[in-house]
Amino acid sequence: MAGLFLVLVILYVIRLELVGDYLIDAIRYPSGIKYGEGIDWQQALLMFGDRMYGDINRYPYIVFNYPPFYRTVVRAIGSFGVDYLAAGRAVSVVATGALALLVGLTAMRAASCSSMCTAWPSRDAMRW
């Protein structure tokens, strides 16, 4: 059984390395991968000006369909000289990884709960 576990761990590490290589290549790719990246890039540049919530009946028709936090983080990273496409992709990769970690921790917590456990975070953490 220990040998099978070791083989699974080695296969997982190899797969994780391949995924990591793919993510790094995608972050460094100099052109757009998805159509929406150009729109996000333009909105990150324009969002701190007077056109963020401008008249949508006046050209150019710019509509900000996401909350400004993502674009603020991308613009902050871009202000250090990082390409905006790479910054946006890196923020997306980190956010996706953090969300996957949170979901995994929640699933582990739920799997290890006894029948008395109702939700995470625990009731003790919710007390004032």
Protein backbone atom coordinates (compact mmCIF):
# COMPACT_ATOMS: atom_id res chain seq x y z
CA MET A 1 0.00 0.00 0.00
CA ALA A 2 2.86 2.42 0.76
CA GLY A 3 4.36 1.72 -2.68
CA LEU A 4 1.10 2.62 -4.41
CA PHE A 5 0.86 5.81 -2.38
CA LEU A 6 4.42 6.75 -3.37
CA VAL A 7 3.65 6.15 -7.05
CA LEU A 8 0.53 8.32 -6.80
CA VAL A 9 2.49 11.11 -5.13
CA ILE A 10 5.17 10.99 -7.84
CA LEU A 11 2.52 11.09 -10.60
CA TYR A 12 0.81 14.00 -8.85
CA VAL A 13 4.06 15.95 -8.60
CA ILE A 14 4.80 15.33 -12.30
CA ARG A 15 1.32 16.49 -13.25
CA LEU A 16 1.61 19.53 -11.00
CA GLU A 17 4.89 20.44 -12.70
CA LEU A 18 3.25 20.18 -16.14
CA VAL A 19 0.37 22.37 -15.05
CA GLY A 20 2.81 24.86 -13.54
CA ASP A 21 4.79 25.01 -16.77
CA TYR A 22 1.58 25.59 -18.73
CA LEU A 23 0.48 28.39 -16.38
CA ILE A 24 3.87 30.12 -16.57
CA ASP A 25 3.83 29.89 -20.37
CA ALA A 26 0.28 31.28 -20.45
CA ILE A 27 1.20 34.19 -18.17
CA ARG A 28 4.22 35.05 -20.32
CA TYR A 29 2.41 34.71 -23.66
CA PRO A 30 2.73 38.15 -25.31
CA SER A 31 -0.60 38.22 -27.17
CA GLY A 32 -4.21 37.84 -26.17
CA ILE A 33 -5.43 34.34 -25.38
CA LYS A 34 -9.07 35.24 -24.81
CA TYR A 35 -11.17 37.97 -26.38
CA GLY A 36 -11.96 39.58 -23.02
CA GLU A 37 -8.33 40.20 -22.08
CA GLY A 38 -8.05 43.27 -24.27
CA ILE A 39 -11.19 44.73 -22.77
CA ASP A 40 -9.91 44.07 -19.24
CA TRP A 41 -6.57 45.65 -20.11
CA GLN A 42 -8.21 48.78 -21.52
CA GLN A 43 -10.55 49.08 -18.55
CA ALA A 44 -7.64 48.72 -16.11
CA LEU A 45 -6.00 51.70 -17.81
CA LEU A 46 -9.15 53.82 -17.93
CA MET A 47 -10.75 53.03 -14.61
CA PHE A 48 -9.19 55.79 -12.53
CA GLY A 49 -10.18 58.51 -14.96
CA ASP A 50 -13.45 60.27 -15.55
CA ARG A 51 -14.55 57.64 -18.09
CA MET A 52 -15.01 54.78 -15.62
CA TYR A 53 -18.69 55.50 -15.12
CA GLY A 54 -19.20 57.79 -18.07
CA ASP A 55 -22.15 58.18 -20.38
CA ILE A 56 -22.74 54.93 -22.27
CA ASN A 57 -24.50 56.85 -25.03
CA ARG A 58 -21.25 58.60 -26.01
CA TYR A 59 -18.45 56.98 -28.02
CA PRO A 60 -16.34 55.08 -27.00
CA TYR A 61 -18.94 52.82 -25.42
CA ILE A 62 -17.12 51.48 -22.37
CA VAL A 63 -19.07 49.40 -19.89
CA PHE A 64 -17.36 48.12 -16.75
CA ASN A 65 -19.10 44.82 -16.13
CA TYR A 66 -16.96 43.67 -13.19
CA PRO A 67 -16.22 45.23 -9.80
CA PRO A 68 -13.09 47.38 -9.85
CA PHE A 69 -11.04 45.31 -7.36
CA TYR A 70 -9.56 42.96 -9.98
CA ARG A 71 -8.57 45.80 -12.26
CA THR A 72 -7.15 47.79 -9.34
CA VAL A 73 -4.87 44.88 -8.41
CA VAL A 74 -3.85 44.40 -12.06
CA ARG A 75 -3.09 48.08 -12.45
CA ALA A 76 -1.08 48.11 -9.20
CA ILE A 77 1.04 45.21 -10.45
CA GLY A 78 1.33 46.84 -13.87
CA SER A 79 2.62 50.04 -12.30
CA PHE A 80 5.82 48.13 -11.45
CA GLY A 81 6.53 47.68 -15.16
CA VAL A 82 4.83 44.31 -15.56
CA ASP A 83 2.82 43.82 -18.75
CA TYR A 84 -0.89 44.25 -18.04
CA LEU A 85 -1.80 40.99 -19.76
CA ALA A 86 0.75 39.10 -17.65
CA ALA A 87 -0.40 40.87 -14.50
CA GLY A 88 -4.04 40.01 -15.17
CA ARG A 89 -3.23 36.38 -15.88
CA ALA A 90 -1.07 36.12 -12.76
CA VAL A 91 -3.84 37.60 -10.60
CA SER A 92 -6.31 35.12 -12.12
CA VAL A 93 -3.97 32.16 -11.49
CA VAL A 94 -3.32 33.19 -7.87
CA ALA A 95 -7.03 33.80 -7.21
CA THR A 96 -7.95 30.45 -8.75
CA GLY A 97 -5.31 28.67 -6.66
CA ALA A 98 -6.48 30.40 -3.48
CA LEU A 99 -10.09 29.46 -4.22
CA ALA A 100 -9.09 25.83 -4.93
CA LEU A 101 -7.19 25.73 -1.65
CA LEU A 102 -10.17 27.14 0.23
CA VAL A 103 -12.54 24.62 -1.37
CA GLY A 104 -10.12 21.78 -0.57
CA LEU A 105 -9.77 22.86 3.06
CA THR A 106 -13.52 23.15 3.36
CA ALA A 107 -13.99 19.67 1.89
CA MET A 108 -11.36 18.22 4.24
CA ARG A 109 -13.02 19.92 7.17
CA ALA A 110 -16.44 18.60 6.14
CA ALA A 111 -15.07 15.08 5.64
CA SER A 112 -13.50 15.02 9.09
CA CYS A 113 -16.51 16.48 10.93
CA SER A 114 -18.53 14.33 13.22
CA SER A 115 -22.31 14.27 13.05
CA MET A 116 -22.37 17.22 15.47
CA CYS A 117 -20.42 19.46 13.09
CA THR A 118 -22.72 21.70 11.06
CA ALA A 119 -20.59 24.18 9.12
CA TRP A 120 -17.18 25.73 8.73
CA PRO A 121 -16.07 28.03 10.34
CA SER A 122 -16.88 26.47 13.64
CA ARG A 123 -19.43 27.90 15.99
CA ASP A 124 -16.66 28.85 18.41
CA ALA A 125 -15.08 31.09 15.80
CA MET A 126 -18.38 32.90 15.29
CA ARG A 127 -18.83 33.87 18.92
CA TRP A 128 -18.24 37.48 19.87
